[in-house]
Amino acid sequence: MNLKSILICSALSLGAQLCLQAQTIVPPNIDFETGTTSNWNFTSGTIMAIHTYSMAPCSATPGLHTITSGTGTDAYGGFPVVGTGSYSLKLAHDTINFNADAAAYFIHVPATGSYNFNYSYAAVLQNAGHAPSNLPVFEVNVFDSTAPLTLISALGMYVVPNSTGFVQSTVDTTVHYKGWTNTSINFTGYAGHTMIVSFTVGSCSSGGAHFGYAYIDATGLTMNASTSVANSSASTNGSFNLFPNPTSGRINLQWANQATGNADVDVYDMTGRRMGNFQLAMNETSGQKEINLGYLNDGMYMLNIRSQSVNYSGRTVIQK
């Protein structure tokens, strides 16, 4: 082989590696580039002491879960209201009413390969001068929905003097902000799992007189260079459906193109407590069965369906 051929082969090989490194999976609207909040899940309520929350599922609420676009800048920090692309999400605003608001996305990690989840955020929080447990807060939490629900990563931020990355606003000296920050979470070891990425903002819990809000954006899953190309068709998620959703209690489990046999259905609340267990008799490759979750309180729940051939996680919202 002559030198020219060697160089061409080397270039092709390097190009293939770069394509592998650059491979990115963008789940539907995880980046808000439809200009809507579709495929995201929202909750809203109040903040309690020590950064605990009382929230219930809701539709995206303007002013609390707001799509941002254009070239505008934040009123306190002066940074762009859009992180990447043409749209981002603003979570909460400068209110003083004990509010707590959250946005979550369910991400299915391909069954083969190793991936990082890439996202960015910006935060605006008032320094209330209270104890840290009562300060406005911005949190990023990632859960593995596989039973039992497991917290795998957490990032909590509140403003105290000299907080890392925060800058004092020139508009209001009680307000501190952190401009757009890019970060990632390693999903290695979670192939085939459904991960829940949750962003939460809570205002001051001591008198409710100080606010916090944040901006979020995401670019998707990027394959680590050392892994093979993922085969997302290996997932069984597309062969299951839960409806109606939300439900007052009764929910249908519908499946198609699955191996026959019995499967375990476990129901978990969002703290990881198992709230129920059912047997799903899949006597046919396609079918449907109703289960009654009417004994549960209103809220969001995870359903995990497992057998030798099935590995499915989905969520349902109980609204009575």
Protein backbone atom coordinates (compact mmCIF):
# COMPACT_ATOMS: atom_id res chain seq x y z
CA MET A 1 0.00 0.00 0.00
CA ASN A 2 1.44 3.38 -1.00
CA LEU A 3 1.61 6.42 1.27
CA LYS A 4 -1.44 8.05 -0.34
CA SER A 5 -3.58 4.97 0.30
CA ILE A 6 -2.36 4.78 3.89
CA LEU A 7 -3.26 8.42 4.48
CA ILE A 8 -6.71 7.97 2.95
CA CYS A 9 -7.41 4.88 5.08
CA SER A 10 -6.16 6.66 8.19
CA ALA A 11 -8.40 9.64 7.44
CA LEU A 12 -11.41 7.39 6.92
CA SER A 13 -10.68 5.55 10.15
CA LEU A 14 -10.31 8.82 12.07
CA GLY A 15 -13.53 10.14 10.54
CA ALA A 16 -15.41 7.04 11.64
CA GLN A 17 -14.11 7.46 15.18
CA LEU A 18 -15.09 11.11 15.23
CA CYS A 19 -18.59 10.23 13.99
CA LEU A 20 -18.84 7.67 16.80
CA GLN A 21 -17.69 10.21 19.36
CA ALA A 22 -20.08 12.81 18.07
CA GLN A 23 -23.13 10.54 17.90
CA THR A 24 -25.91 12.26 19.80
CA ILE A 25 -29.43 11.03 20.50
CA VAL A 26 -31.95 13.83 20.97
CA PRO A 27 -35.13 12.49 22.63
CA PRO A 28 -38.31 14.21 21.41
CA ASN A 29 -38.28 17.89 22.43
CA ILE A 30 -35.78 17.42 25.24
CA ASP A 31 -34.16 20.57 23.80
CA PHE A 32 -37.47 22.54 23.58
CA GLU A 33 -36.76 23.14 19.89
CA THR A 34 -40.40 22.59 18.97
CA GLY A 35 -41.04 25.83 20.84
CA THR A 36 -43.36 23.94 23.21
CA THR A 37 -43.20 22.01 26.49
CA SER A 38 -44.34 18.72 24.92
CA ASN A 39 -42.87 15.49 26.34
CA TRP A 40 -41.96 17.24 29.60
CA ASN A 41 -43.74 16.65 32.92
CA PHE A 42 -44.49 19.46 35.35
CA THR A 43 -45.37 19.83 39.01
CA SER A 44 -46.12 22.89 41.10
CA GLY A 45 -46.81 23.66 44.75
CA THR A 46 -45.07 25.07 47.79
CA ILE A 47 -41.71 24.72 49.49
CA MET A 48 -41.47 23.47 53.05
CA ALA A 49 -38.56 23.81 55.47
CA ILE A 50 -35.22 22.09 54.77
CA HIS A 51 -35.81 22.11 51.02
CA THR A 52 -38.73 19.71 50.95
CA TYR A 53 -41.72 20.29 48.70
CA SER A 54 -45.45 19.75 48.52
CA MET A 55 -46.22 19.59 44.79
CA ALA A 56 -48.78 18.05 42.48
CA PRO A 57 -48.66 17.29 38.74
CA CYS A 58 -49.93 20.05 36.49
CA SER A 59 -49.89 21.26 32.93
CA ALA A 60 -47.21 23.73 31.92
CA THR A 61 -48.25 27.02 33.50
CA PRO A 62 -47.22 30.32 31.86
CA GLY A 63 -45.05 32.26 34.25
CA LEU A 64 -43.97 29.10 36.06
CA HIS A 65 -42.99 26.84 33.15
CA THR A 66 -42.30 29.27 30.32
CA ILE A 67 -40.65 28.73 26.94
CA THR A 68 -38.08 31.45 26.22
CA SER A 69 -36.88 32.56 22.80
CA GLY A 70 -35.27 35.48 21.02
CA THR A 71 -32.31 37.62 21.97
CA GLY A 72 -33.59 38.94 25.29
CA THR A 73 -31.56 38.87 28.49
CA ASP A 74 -32.38 38.11 32.11
CA ALA A 75 -33.51 41.15 34.10
CA TYR A 76 -31.13 40.53 37.01
CA GLY A 77 -28.16 38.80 35.39
CA GLY A 78 -28.07 40.16 31.86
CA PHE A 79 -27.29 36.72 30.40
CA PRO A 80 -29.30 35.40 27.38
CA VAL A 81 -32.69 33.86 28.12
CA VAL A 82 -31.86 31.07 25.63
CA GLY A 83 -29.05 28.64 26.33
CA THR A 84 -28.61 26.66 23.10
CA GLY A 85 -30.65 26.56 19.91
CA SER A 86 -33.70 28.77 19.61
CA TYR A 87 -35.65 27.89 22.77
CA SER A 88 -35.11 27.15 26.46
CA LEU A 89 -37.36 26.81 29.52
CA LYS A 90 -37.67 29.32 32.35
CA LEU A 91 -38.71 27.63 35.59
CA ALA A 92 -40.59 29.88 38.09
CA HIS A 93 -40.04 33.66 38.34
CA ASP A 94 -39.39 36.41 40.88
CA THR A 95 -42.41 35.66 43.07
CA ILE A 96 -42.56 35.62 46.87
CA ASN A 97 -45.26 33.08 47.65
CA PHE A 98 -43.48 29.94 48.92
CA ASN A 99 -43.69 28.58 45.37
CA ALA A 100 -41.96 25.37 44.28
CA ASP A 101 -41.94 24.31 40.64
CA ALA A 102 -40.38 21.41 38.78
CA ALA A 103 -39.88 20.08 35.26
CA ALA A 104 -38.92 16.47 34.56
CA TYR A 105 -38.08 14.39 31.50
CA PHE A 106 -38.08 10.58 31.19
CA ILE A 107 -35.06 9.49 29.12
CA HIS A 108 -34.68 5.93 27.87
CA VAL A 109 -30.99 5.02 27.59
CA PRO A 110 -30.27 2.74 24.60
CA ALA A 111 -29.75 -0.91 25.49
CA THR A 112 -26.18 -0.94 24.19
CA GLY A 113 -23.50 1.67 24.44
CA SER A 114 -22.39 4.14 27.07
CA TYR A 115 -23.84 7.65 27.12
CA ASN A 116 -23.59 11.02 28.80
CA PHE A 117 -26.63 13.23 29.31
CA ASN A 118 -25.75 16.82 28.40
CA TYR A 119 -27.66 19.82 29.71
CA SER A 120 -27.20 23.45 30.70
CA TYR A 121 -28.73 25.72 33.29
CA ALA A 122 -28.70 29.26 34.67
CA ALA A 123 -30.02 30.25 38.09
CA VAL A 124 -31.19 33.45 39.78
CA LEU A 125 -31.58 33.27 43.57
CA GLN A 126 -32.05 35.84 46.30
CA ASN A 127 -29.69 35.81 49.27
CA ALA A 128 -32.29 35.93 52.00
CA GLY A 129 -29.79 35.92 54.85
CA HIS A 130 -31.54 32.93 56.43
CA ALA A 131 -30.13 29.57 57.42
CA PRO A 132 -29.10 27.57 54.31
CA SER A 133 -32.01 25.14 54.77
CA ASN A 134 -34.48 28.01 54.29
CA LEU A 135 -32.84 29.78 51.35
CA PRO A 136 -34.21 29.80 47.81
CA VAL A 137 -32.84 26.76 45.99
CA PHE A 138 -32.31 25.28 42.53
CA GLU A 139 -31.89 21.50 42.33
CA VAL A 140 -31.07 19.01 39.58
CA ASN A 141 -31.82 15.38 40.45
CA VAL A 142 -31.48 12.27 38.30
CA PHE A 143 -33.24 9.03 39.20
CA ASP A 144 -33.00 5.52 37.82
CA SER A 145 -36.63 4.49 37.47
CA THR A 146 -35.75 0.78 37.65
CA ALA A 147 -37.22 -0.64 40.84
CA PRO A 148 -36.58 0.59 43.41
CA LEU A 149 -36.44 4.20 42.26
CA THR A 150 -32.84 5.30 42.88
CA LEU A 151 -31.25 8.74 43.05
CA ILE A 152 -28.02 8.58 41.04
CA SER A 153 -27.03 12.23 40.85
CA ALA A 154 -27.96 15.42 42.67
CA LEU A 155 -26.95 19.06 42.33
CA GLY A 156 -28.37 21.52 44.83
CA MET A 157 -27.57 25.24 44.83
CA TYR A 158 -28.54 28.06 47.12
CA VAL A 159 -26.94 31.45 47.60
CA VAL A 160 -24.77 32.28 50.56
CA PRO A 161 -21.95 34.83 50.54
CA ASN A 162 -19.27 33.87 48.03
CA SER A 163 -21.25 30.95 46.55
CA THR A 164 -19.21 29.33 43.78
CA GLY A 165 -20.10 30.63 40.35
CA PHE A 166 -22.69 33.18 41.53
CA VAL A 167 -22.38 36.89 40.84
CA GLN A 168 -24.14 39.70 42.67
CA SER A 169 -26.68 41.51 40.53
CA THR A 170 -26.17 45.20 39.83
CA VAL A 171 -29.94 45.61 39.58
CA ASP A 172 -30.71 44.26 43.07
CA THR A 173 -27.83 43.52 45.43
CA THR A 174 -29.89 40.89 47.28
CA VAL A 175 -30.04 38.86 44.07
CA HIS A 176 -27.23 36.59 42.88
CA TYR A 177 -27.10 34.78 39.57
CA LYS A 178 -25.14 32.12 37.76
CA GLY A 179 -25.10 32.42 33.97
CA TRP A 180 -25.48 29.55 31.55
CA THR A 181 -23.39 26.58 32.66
CA ASN A 182 -22.87 23.43 30.56
CA THR A 183 -22.58 20.12 32.35
CA SER A 184 -23.20 16.39 31.86
CA ILE A 185 -24.12 13.26 33.79
CA ASN A 186 -22.53 9.91 32.98
CA PHE A 187 -25.17 7.23 32.30
CA THR A 188 -22.59 4.43 31.98
CA GLY A 189 -24.02 1.31 33.58
CA TYR A 190 -27.63 2.32 32.93
CA ALA A 191 -28.06 0.92 29.41
CA GLY A 192 -31.68 -0.01 28.81
CA HIS A 193 -32.89 1.94 31.84
CA THR A 194 -35.32 4.85 31.92
CA MET A 195 -33.81 7.81 33.74
CA ILE A 196 -35.79 10.69 35.25
CA VAL A 197 -34.07 14.06 35.05
CA SER A 198 -35.78 16.55 37.35
CA PHE A 199 -35.17 20.30 37.72
CA THR A 200 -36.70 22.02 40.77
CA VAL A 201 -36.80 25.61 42.00
CA GLY A 202 -38.03 26.63 45.44
CA SER A 203 -38.42 30.09 46.92
CA CYS A 204 -37.55 31.09 50.48
CA SER A 205 -39.27 28.88 53.07
CA SER A 206 -38.89 31.40 55.91
CA GLY A 207 -41.71 33.86 55.36
CA GLY A 208 -41.80 33.19 51.62
CA ALA A 209 -40.43 36.66 50.94
CA HIS A 210 -37.48 35.79 48.67
CA PHE A 211 -37.52 34.22 45.23
CA GLY A 212 -35.61 31.86 43.02
CA TYR A 213 -35.92 30.84 39.39
CA ALA A 214 -33.84 29.10 36.75
CA TYR A 215 -33.44 28.44 33.04
CA ILE A 216 -32.83 24.95 31.67
CA ASP A 217 -31.90 23.44 28.34
CA ALA A 218 -30.57 20.10 27.09
CA THR A 219 -28.89 18.69 24.01
CA GLY A 220 -29.48 14.96 24.56
CA LEU A 221 -27.37 11.84 24.98
CA THR A 222 -23.85 11.68 23.57
CA MET A 223 -22.15 8.32 23.11
CA ASN A 224 -18.84 7.80 24.83
CA ALA A 225 -16.08 7.18 22.29
CA SER A 226 -15.13 3.73 23.54
CA THR A 227 -18.51 2.12 22.99
CA SER A 228 -20.25 0.61 20.01
CA VAL A 229 -23.16 2.16 18.17
CA ALA A 230 -26.31 1.91 20.23
CA ASN A 231 -29.28 -0.11 19.05
CA SER A 232 -32.27 1.68 20.45
CA SER A 233 -34.61 -0.86 18.85
CA ALA A 234 -33.63 -3.28 21.62
CA SER A 235 -35.86 -1.33 24.02
CA THR A 236 -39.23 -2.85 24.85
CA ASN A 237 -40.72 0.54 25.81
CA GLY A 238 -42.33 1.08 22.43
CA SER A 239 -44.38 -2.12 22.87
CA PHE A 240 -46.22 -0.92 25.98
CA ASN A 241 -48.84 1.73 26.57
CA LEU A 242 -50.51 3.02 29.74
CA PHE A 243 -53.90 4.72 29.42
CA PRO A 244 -55.83 6.76 30.36
CA ASN A 245 -53.13 9.04 31.69
CA PRO A 246 -53.87 10.92 33.93
CA THR A 247 -56.34 8.49 35.50
CA SER A 248 -58.74 8.59 38.44
CA GLY A 249 -57.56 5.12 39.44
CA ARG A 250 -58.14 2.49 36.78
CA ILE A 251 -55.40 2.15 34.18
CA ASN A 252 -54.98 -0.15 31.20
CA LEU A 253 -51.68 -1.89 30.49
CA GLN A 254 -51.51 -2.57 26.76
CA TRP A 255 -48.71 -4.54 25.10
CA ALA A 256 -47.81 -5.74 21.64
CA ASN A 257 -45.22 -8.08 20.12
CA GLN A 258 -44.04 -9.43 23.48
CA ALA A 259 -43.10 -12.92 24.60
CA THR A 260 -45.88 -14.68 26.49
CA GLY A 261 -45.64 -15.42 30.20
CA ASN A 262 -46.15 -13.72 33.53
CA ALA A 263 -44.62 -10.36 34.44
CA ASP A 264 -44.40 -8.52 37.76
CA VAL A 265 -45.86 -5.02 37.91
CA ASP A 266 -44.49 -2.89 40.75
CA VAL A 267 -45.88 0.58 41.53
CA TYR A 268 -43.59 3.13 43.19
CA ASP A 269 -44.18 6.65 44.36
CA MET A 270 -41.61 9.34 43.56
CA THR A 271 -39.76 8.76 46.84
CA GLY A 272 -39.03 5.15 45.90
CA ARG A 273 -41.61 3.49 48.15
CA ARG A 274 -43.29 0.45 46.62
CA MET A 275 -47.03 1.14 46.69
CA GLY A 276 -48.34 -1.98 44.99
CA ASN A 277 -47.54 -5.22 43.20
CA PHE A 278 -49.54 -7.01 40.51
CA GLN A 279 -49.15 -10.03 38.25
CA LEU A 280 -49.56 -9.37 34.55
CA ALA A 281 -50.52 -12.56 32.70
CA MET A 282 -49.31 -12.04 29.13
CA ASN A 283 -50.97 -15.11 27.62
CA GLU A 284 -50.85 -13.63 24.15
CA THR A 285 -48.15 -11.66 22.36
CA SER A 286 -50.50 -8.68 22.20
CA GLY A 287 -53.14 -7.83 24.75
CA GLN A 288 -54.49 -5.52 27.43
CA LYS A 289 -55.23 -5.72 31.16
CA GLU A 290 -56.80 -3.24 33.57
CA ILE A 291 -55.44 -2.65 37.08
CA ASN A 292 -56.98 -0.51 39.81
CA LEU A 293 -54.76 2.14 41.42
CA GLY A 294 -57.69 3.94 43.03
CA TYR A 295 -56.26 3.34 46.51
CA LEU A 296 -53.38 5.74 45.76
CA ASN A 297 -53.36 9.44 46.60
CA ASP A 298 -53.17 11.99 43.80
CA GLY A 299 -49.66 12.29 42.39
CA MET A 300 -47.13 10.81 39.96
CA TYR A 301 -46.15 7.14 40.13
CA MET A 302 -43.74 4.81 38.35
CA LEU A 303 -44.87 1.45 36.96
CA ASN A 304 -42.10 -1.11 36.48
CA ILE A 305 -42.97 -4.21 34.45
CA ARG A 306 -40.41 -7.03 34.60
CA SER A 307 -40.09 -10.57 33.31
CA GLN A 308 -37.36 -12.60 31.61
CA SER A 309 -38.16 -10.82 28.34
CA VAL A 310 -39.74 -7.53 29.48
CA ASN A 311 -38.02 -4.51 31.00
CA TYR A 312 -40.39 -1.54 30.93
CA SER A 313 -40.76 1.58 33.08
CA GLY A 314 -43.50 4.12 32.62
CA ARG A 315 -45.23 6.77 34.67
CA THR A 316 -48.82 7.56 35.42
CA VAL A 317 -50.54 10.46 37.14
CA ILE A 318 -53.42 9.86 39.57
CA GLN A 319 -55.97 12.69 39.56
CA LYS A 320 -59.28 12.02 41.31
